[in-house]
Amino acid sequence: MQAAVTVTPAQIPDLLLGLATVRPVFLWGAPGIGKSSLVRGFAESLGLECVSLLGTQLAPEDLIGVPQIRDGRSVFCPPESIARDEPYCLFLDELNAATPDVQKAFYSLILDRRIGSYELPAGSIVIGAGNRATDNALARPIASALVNRLTHVHLRASAADWLVWAGENGIHPWVTDYLIDRPDHLWSQPPKTEEQFSTPRSWHMLADALHSFGPDIDEETLKVIVHGTLTPAHAVSFCGYAKIVRHTYGIEAILKGDASWPARLEDRDLLYYLAEAFRGRLVKELPRQKEHVSASMRQTSYRAKSLLVQLAEISVEVAQTVIADDADGQPVLPAWFLVEAARDMPRLVEARR
């Protein structure tokens, strides 16, 4: 299902309070952005126990129950996890990944709030959640009759919301400080191949690992856990950031001329991170139009071109990332600066093409 309108995690509690208390809700979103934890947190805020049923691990009889003979008639007895006396939150996780037969078994719970003769206690709420087929996740079509009886809410990752949560939950400072600088690295589109990708969940995993190993974690171990949790490009960048944290080696020192670009091959991840920081600084400080360039900005551009030349002497590939276009093929740096770069550094601009 495609999202016409999306919401952030911070908006979910109020939406669910108004929606889930009167009608079943389905929460859509990419893997790892916190759908399950949001539902559990919402149930807790209402003082309701959250009972999770995972669609991919159920058979129809797990919901309908098994028959018993009573007074010469068969009666289906729903499982203990569902048949409760007190109101609760029934969370149907990965509902759209369940087989069609299991989805059909959910119908009566979702539409009529009952299984056989058992009816959910008054005050209970029903919330479903699932990943989108576009995220390369296991997802099956939901019948139109069911789609039309659910209110659909589409969740998107939000670095601002996640960083607020992280600050309240003891997330490792390397992770929070890094994502303050690079909020666009919080989430990445799931790849079509079997490789790790960045999500709020994977950053949380990384933070837990960093806490576990402690401040004396060696560089090789750090690389293993970072590359095991994040998108490859994000992992390289984070490892470079970690070196800066450990060695107080930053872009400010390079811009001031107090330090040079790291040239060792084993510091290539640091070089990539510094190049990204350099690119971000240029985007922030250089005006889009040349006529708005002041004398101080002109000095900044001269210094930038000089640093680009020095960077290209170490690695043309890394230097090219500074002036590269964005994912849509649009220039990120001002056109006038790119023209001057092409004039002064034709080899670098040719590599960009």
Protein backbone atom coordinates (compact mmCIF):
# COMPACT_ATOMS: atom_id res chain seq x y z
CA MET A 1 0.00 0.00 0.00
CA GLN A 2 1.35 3.41 -0.98
CA ALA A 3 1.34 6.31 1.48
CA ALA A 4 -0.40 9.52 0.49
CA VAL A 5 0.29 11.06 3.91
CA THR A 6 2.88 9.92 6.48
CA VAL A 7 3.34 10.65 10.17
CA THR A 8 6.28 10.65 12.56
CA PRO A 9 6.56 8.51 15.71
CA ALA A 10 5.79 11.53 17.89
CA GLN A 11 2.37 11.85 16.24
CA ILE A 12 1.38 8.21 16.77
CA PRO A 13 0.16 8.28 20.42
CA ASP A 14 -2.43 11.01 19.82
CA LEU A 15 -3.56 9.43 16.56
CA LEU A 16 -4.02 6.02 18.17
CA LEU A 17 -5.84 7.56 21.12
CA GLY A 18 -8.45 8.98 18.77
CA LEU A 19 -8.56 6.07 16.31
CA ALA A 20 -7.73 2.77 17.98
CA THR A 21 -10.18 3.34 20.83
CA VAL A 22 -13.10 3.31 18.38
CA ARG A 23 -11.94 1.32 15.34
CA PRO A 24 -9.16 -1.11 14.38
CA VAL A 25 -6.01 0.56 13.03
CA PHE A 26 -3.29 -0.74 10.73
CA LEU A 27 0.17 0.81 11.11
CA TRP A 28 2.34 0.63 7.98
CA GLY A 29 6.07 1.29 7.88
CA ALA A 30 9.48 0.08 6.83
CA PRO A 31 11.29 -2.56 8.91
CA GLY A 32 13.11 -1.34 11.99
CA ILE A 33 11.49 2.07 12.47
CA GLY A 34 9.74 1.24 15.73
CA LYS A 35 6.17 0.19 14.90
CA SER A 36 6.02 -2.56 17.54
CA SER A 37 7.54 -0.48 20.33
CA LEU A 38 5.14 2.38 19.57
CA VAL A 39 2.13 0.08 19.89
CA ARG A 40 3.42 -1.44 23.14
CA GLY A 41 4.13 2.02 24.52
CA PHE A 42 0.65 3.21 23.58
CA ALA A 43 -0.98 0.20 25.27
CA GLU A 44 1.09 0.83 28.40
CA SER A 45 -0.02 4.47 28.45
CA LEU A 46 -3.64 3.26 28.61
CA GLY A 47 -2.86 0.74 31.32
CA LEU A 48 -3.61 -2.16 28.97
CA GLU A 49 -1.60 -5.33 28.59
CA CYS A 50 -0.30 -5.68 25.03
CA VAL A 51 -0.82 -9.17 23.61
CA SER A 52 1.22 -9.62 20.41
CA LEU A 53 0.35 -12.21 17.78
CA LEU A 54 2.94 -12.59 15.02
CA GLY A 55 1.22 -13.32 11.73
CA THR A 56 4.12 -15.24 10.23
CA GLN A 57 4.16 -17.73 13.12
CA LEU A 58 0.46 -18.57 13.30
CA ALA A 59 -1.83 -21.20 11.84
CA PRO A 60 -5.61 -20.64 11.65
CA GLU A 61 -6.24 -23.03 14.55
CA ASP A 62 -3.94 -20.91 16.74
CA LEU A 63 -6.68 -18.25 16.60
CA ILE A 64 -9.88 -20.21 16.19
CA GLY A 65 -8.85 -22.72 18.84
CA VAL A 66 -9.60 -26.42 19.06
CA PRO A 67 -13.10 -27.95 19.26
CA GLN A 68 -14.57 -29.48 22.39
CA ILE A 69 -17.80 -31.43 22.78
CA ARG A 70 -20.34 -29.76 25.04
CA ASP A 71 -23.86 -31.13 25.36
CA GLY A 72 -23.37 -33.11 22.19
CA ARG A 73 -22.18 -30.14 20.17
CA SER A 74 -18.70 -29.03 19.12
CA VAL A 75 -17.55 -25.72 20.54
CA PHE A 76 -14.34 -23.99 19.51
CA CYS A 77 -12.26 -22.80 22.44
CA PRO A 78 -10.01 -19.81 21.60
CA PRO A 79 -6.49 -19.86 23.05
CA GLU A 80 -5.75 -18.46 26.49
CA SER A 81 -3.63 -15.66 25.02
CA ILE A 82 -6.75 -14.21 23.34
CA ALA A 83 -9.61 -15.27 25.61
CA ARG A 84 -9.12 -12.87 28.53
CA ASP A 85 -11.52 -11.42 31.05
CA GLU A 86 -9.95 -7.97 31.29
CA PRO A 87 -9.65 -5.44 28.43
CA TYR A 88 -6.31 -5.49 26.61
CA CYS A 89 -4.54 -4.37 23.42
CA LEU A 90 -4.50 -7.06 20.75
CA PHE A 91 -1.53 -6.34 18.52
CA LEU A 92 -1.55 -8.22 15.22
CA ASP A 93 2.06 -7.81 14.16
CA GLU A 94 3.09 -8.62 10.57
CA LEU A 95 -0.57 -9.16 9.75
CA ASN A 96 -0.02 -8.68 6.04
CA ALA A 97 2.77 -11.29 6.07
CA ALA A 98 0.38 -13.98 7.29
CA THR A 99 -1.01 -16.59 4.90
CA PRO A 100 -4.48 -15.95 3.43
CA ASP A 101 -6.00 -18.59 5.74
CA VAL A 102 -4.55 -16.89 8.81
CA GLN A 103 -5.72 -13.49 7.57
CA LYS A 104 -9.23 -14.93 7.22
CA ALA A 105 -9.03 -16.22 10.78
CA PHE A 106 -8.27 -12.66 11.89
CA TYR A 107 -11.39 -11.30 10.18
CA SER A 108 -13.79 -11.88 13.05
CA LEU A 109 -11.33 -10.45 15.57
CA ILE A 110 -10.86 -7.32 13.48
CA LEU A 111 -14.39 -6.85 12.17
CA ASP A 112 -16.56 -8.19 15.01
CA ARG A 113 -14.07 -8.27 17.91
CA ARG A 114 -14.91 -11.91 18.54
CA ILE A 115 -13.68 -15.46 17.96
CA GLY A 116 -16.49 -18.01 17.98
CA SER A 117 -18.58 -17.27 21.05
CA TYR A 118 -15.80 -15.29 22.76
CA GLU A 119 -15.98 -11.50 22.49
CA LEU A 120 -13.18 -9.11 23.37
CA PRO A 121 -13.87 -7.34 26.67
CA ALA A 122 -15.22 -3.80 26.44
CA GLY A 123 -12.35 -1.32 26.35
CA SER A 124 -10.05 -3.62 24.34
CA ILE A 125 -8.35 -2.25 21.25
CA VAL A 126 -7.11 -3.95 18.09
CA ILE A 127 -4.06 -2.69 16.20
CA GLY A 128 -2.35 -4.33 13.23
CA ALA A 129 1.05 -3.53 11.76
CA GLY A 130 3.11 -4.59 8.79
CA ASN A 131 5.89 -3.78 6.37
CA ARG A 132 5.38 -2.58 2.82
CA ALA A 133 6.12 -4.73 -0.21
CA THR A 134 8.28 -1.87 -1.54
CA ASP A 135 10.67 -2.41 1.39
CA ASN A 136 11.64 -5.88 0.09
CA ALA A 137 9.95 -7.35 3.17
CA LEU A 138 7.66 -10.36 3.34
CA ALA A 139 4.21 -8.98 2.55
CA ARG A 140 1.07 -10.44 1.05
CA PRO A 141 -1.97 -8.59 -0.33
CA ILE A 142 -4.76 -7.89 2.14
CA ALA A 143 -8.29 -8.54 0.89
CA SER A 144 -10.17 -5.38 -0.01
CA ALA A 145 -12.94 -6.21 2.48
CA LEU A 146 -10.36 -6.16 5.27
CA VAL A 147 -8.52 -3.11 3.93
CA ASN A 148 -11.77 -1.15 3.95
CA ARG A 149 -12.47 -1.98 7.61
CA LEU A 150 -9.17 -0.67 8.94
CA THR A 151 -7.90 2.86 9.37
CA HIS A 152 -4.47 2.96 7.74
CA VAL A 153 -1.64 5.06 9.19
CA HIS A 154 1.73 5.27 7.45
CA LEU A 155 4.77 5.80 9.66
CA ARG A 156 8.05 7.36 8.58
CA ALA A 157 11.35 7.52 10.44
CA SER A 158 12.15 10.84 12.11
CA ALA A 159 15.64 11.64 13.35
CA ALA A 160 14.32 14.44 15.57
CA ASP A 161 11.83 12.12 17.29
CA TRP A 162 14.34 9.31 17.62
CA LEU A 163 17.03 11.54 19.12
CA VAL A 164 14.57 12.76 21.77
CA TRP A 165 13.79 9.14 22.62
CA ALA A 166 17.49 8.23 22.57
CA GLY A 167 18.32 11.00 25.02
CA GLU A 168 15.75 9.60 27.45
CA ASN A 169 16.84 5.99 27.11
CA GLY A 170 20.60 6.04 27.56
CA ILE A 171 21.61 5.48 23.93
CA HIS A 172 25.40 5.58 23.54
CA PRO A 173 26.65 9.18 23.03
CA TRP A 174 28.69 8.24 19.96
CA VAL A 175 25.44 7.23 18.25
CA THR A 176 23.41 10.25 19.31
CA ASP A 177 26.18 12.76 18.55
CA TYR A 178 26.80 11.19 15.15
CA LEU A 179 23.11 11.29 14.20
CA ILE A 180 22.81 14.89 15.32
CA ASP A 181 25.40 15.66 12.62
CA ARG A 182 24.04 13.15 10.09
CA PRO A 183 20.27 12.76 10.68
CA ASP A 184 19.89 11.49 7.11
CA HIS A 185 21.77 8.34 8.17
CA LEU A 186 19.10 7.24 10.66
CA TRP A 187 17.26 5.22 8.03
CA SER A 188 18.08 3.92 4.57
CA GLN A 189 15.96 2.16 1.99
CA PRO A 190 16.14 -1.64 2.45
CA PRO A 191 18.46 -3.07 -0.25
CA LYS A 192 17.43 -5.67 -2.78
CA THR A 193 20.40 -7.79 -1.81
CA GLU A 194 21.12 -9.52 1.49
CA GLU A 195 23.10 -6.84 3.27
CA GLN A 196 22.61 -4.81 6.43
CA PHE A 197 20.91 -1.42 6.30
CA SER A 198 20.49 1.45 8.74
CA THR A 199 17.28 1.80 10.76
CA PRO A 200 16.44 3.16 14.22
CA ARG A 201 16.51 -0.47 15.36
CA SER A 202 20.00 -1.10 13.98
CA TRP A 203 21.36 2.12 15.55
CA HIS A 204 19.91 0.93 18.86
CA MET A 205 21.65 -2.43 18.36
CA LEU A 206 24.94 -0.65 17.68
CA ALA A 207 24.52 1.51 20.78
CA ASP A 208 23.92 -1.57 22.93
CA ALA A 209 27.07 -3.20 21.51
CA LEU A 210 29.14 -0.07 22.20
CA HIS A 211 27.90 -0.03 25.80
CA SER A 212 28.73 -3.73 26.10
CA PHE A 213 32.32 -3.45 24.85
CA GLY A 214 33.02 -0.21 26.68
CA PRO A 215 35.31 2.72 25.78
CA ASP A 216 38.35 0.50 25.22
CA ILE A 217 36.84 -1.33 22.23
CA ASP A 218 39.59 -1.95 19.66
CA GLU A 219 39.35 -0.63 16.12
CA GLU A 220 38.88 -4.01 14.43
CA THR A 221 36.05 -5.02 16.76
CA LEU A 222 34.41 -1.66 16.22
CA LYS A 223 34.50 -2.18 12.45
CA VAL A 224 32.93 -5.63 12.81
CA ILE A 225 29.94 -4.46 14.85
CA VAL A 226 29.43 -1.24 12.86
CA HIS A 227 29.49 -3.00 9.50
CA GLY A 228 27.26 -5.68 11.00
CA THR A 229 24.52 -3.20 11.87
CA LEU A 230 24.59 -0.29 9.39
CA THR A 231 24.40 0.44 5.68
CA PRO A 232 27.96 -0.02 4.31
CA ALA A 233 28.43 3.67 3.46
CA HIS A 234 27.08 4.70 6.86
CA ALA A 235 29.37 2.19 8.56
CA VAL A 236 32.46 3.66 6.90
CA SER A 237 31.36 7.14 7.90
CA PHE A 238 30.66 6.15 11.51
CA CYS A 239 34.04 4.44 11.87
CA GLY A 240 35.66 7.65 10.68
CA TYR A 241 33.64 9.62 13.21
CA ALA A 242 34.75 7.25 15.98
CA LYS A 243 38.38 7.95 15.11
CA ILE A 244 37.71 11.66 15.44
CA VAL A 245 36.10 11.16 18.84
CA ARG A 246 39.06 9.12 20.03
CA HIS A 247 41.82 11.27 18.61
CA THR A 248 40.24 14.77 18.67
CA TYR A 249 40.90 14.97 14.94
CA GLY A 250 38.25 17.02 13.17
CA ILE A 251 37.41 19.09 10.11
CA GLU A 252 37.93 22.33 12.05
CA ALA A 253 41.65 21.61 12.42
CA ILE A 254 41.94 20.95 8.68
CA LEU A 255 40.03 24.10 7.72
CA LYS A 256 42.27 26.19 9.98
CA GLY A 257 45.42 24.60 8.61
CA ASP A 258 46.33 23.05 11.95
CA ALA A 259 46.11 19.54 10.48
CA SER A 260 46.25 17.92 7.05
CA TRP A 261 44.08 15.28 5.44
CA PRO A 262 44.92 11.80 6.82
CA ALA A 263 46.88 10.04 4.10
CA ARG A 264 47.36 6.54 5.54
CA LEU A 265 45.48 3.79 3.78
CA GLU A 266 44.21 2.46 7.11
CA ASP A 267 42.62 5.88 7.76
CA ARG A 268 40.52 5.83 4.58
CA ASP A 269 37.26 5.62 6.56
CA LEU A 270 38.34 8.74 8.48
CA LEU A 271 39.16 10.45 5.19
CA TYR A 272 35.68 9.69 3.83
CA TYR A 273 34.05 11.04 6.97
CA LEU A 274 36.09 14.24 6.89
CA ALA A 275 35.29 14.69 3.19
CA GLU A 276 31.57 14.41 3.98
CA ALA A 277 31.95 16.95 6.78
CA PHE A 278 33.86 19.24 4.39
CA ARG A 279 31.08 18.93 1.80
CA GLY A 280 28.46 19.74 4.44
CA ARG A 281 30.40 22.83 5.51
CA LEU A 282 30.60 24.09 1.92
CA VAL A 283 26.88 23.54 1.37
CA LYS A 284 26.18 25.54 4.51
CA GLU A 285 28.62 28.42 3.96
CA LEU A 286 28.78 29.03 0.20
CA PRO A 287 25.90 31.11 -1.24
CA ARG A 288 23.96 29.72 -4.20
CA GLN A 289 24.48 32.87 -6.29
CA LYS A 290 27.95 34.23 -7.09
CA GLU A 291 26.83 37.85 -6.76
CA HIS A 292 26.20 37.19 -3.07
CA VAL A 293 29.80 36.15 -2.43
CA SER A 294 31.47 38.46 0.08
CA ALA A 295 35.20 38.96 0.49
CA SER A 296 35.34 36.52 3.40
CA MET A 297 33.33 33.96 1.42
CA ARG A 298 35.75 34.37 -1.47
CA GLN A 299 38.59 33.47 0.90
CA THR A 300 36.57 30.46 2.00
CA SER A 301 36.18 29.30 -1.60
CA TYR A 302 39.93 29.75 -2.27
CA ARG A 303 40.73 27.70 0.83
CA ALA A 304 38.15 25.08 -0.19
CA LYS A 305 39.68 24.65 -3.64
CA SER A 306 43.13 24.36 -2.11
CA LEU A 307 41.90 21.66 0.26
CA LEU A 308 40.21 19.86 -2.62
CA VAL A 309 43.51 19.77 -4.50
CA GLN A 310 45.27 18.34 -1.42
CA LEU A 311 42.48 15.80 -0.96
CA ALA A 312 42.65 14.74 -4.62
CA GLU A 313 46.39 14.15 -4.28
CA ILE A 314 45.56 11.53 -1.66
CA SER A 315 42.45 10.11 -3.34
CA VAL A 316 40.61 11.43 -6.39
CA GLU A 317 37.70 9.15 -5.49
CA VAL A 318 37.28 10.67 -2.03
CA ALA A 319 37.70 14.22 -3.36
CA GLN A 320 35.02 13.53 -5.96
CA THR A 321 32.49 12.80 -3.20
CA VAL A 322 32.81 16.42 -2.07
CA ILE A 323 31.52 17.83 -5.38
CA ALA A 324 29.28 14.92 -6.38
CA ASP A 325 25.60 15.40 -7.29
CA ASP A 326 22.84 14.17 -5.01
CA ALA A 327 20.92 10.91 -5.48
CA ASP A 328 18.64 12.57 -8.06
CA GLY A 329 21.56 13.83 -10.15
CA GLN A 330 21.20 17.44 -9.01
CA PRO A 331 24.23 19.54 -8.00
CA VAL A 332 24.60 20.03 -4.25
CA LEU A 333 27.31 22.70 -4.28
CA PRO A 334 26.70 26.10 -5.95
CA ALA A 335 27.14 26.12 -9.73
CA TRP A 336 29.66 28.98 -9.65
CA PHE A 337 31.92 27.01 -7.29
CA LEU A 338 31.70 23.91 -9.50
CA VAL A 339 32.65 26.02 -12.55
CA GLU A 340 35.72 27.33 -10.73
CA ALA A 341 36.57 23.81 -9.60
CA ALA A 342 36.34 22.61 -13.20
CA ARG A 343 38.72 25.38 -14.28
CA ASP A 344 41.25 24.82 -11.51
CA MET A 345 40.94 21.03 -11.19
CA PRO A 346 39.89 19.57 -14.55
CA ARG A 347 41.11 16.08 -13.57
CA LEU A 348 38.82 16.00 -10.55
CA VAL A 349 35.76 17.21 -12.45
CA GLU A 350 36.40 14.71 -15.27
CA ALA A 351 36.37 11.93 -12.65
CA ARG A 352 33.04 13.29 -11.40
CA ARG A 353 31.55 12.68 -14.83
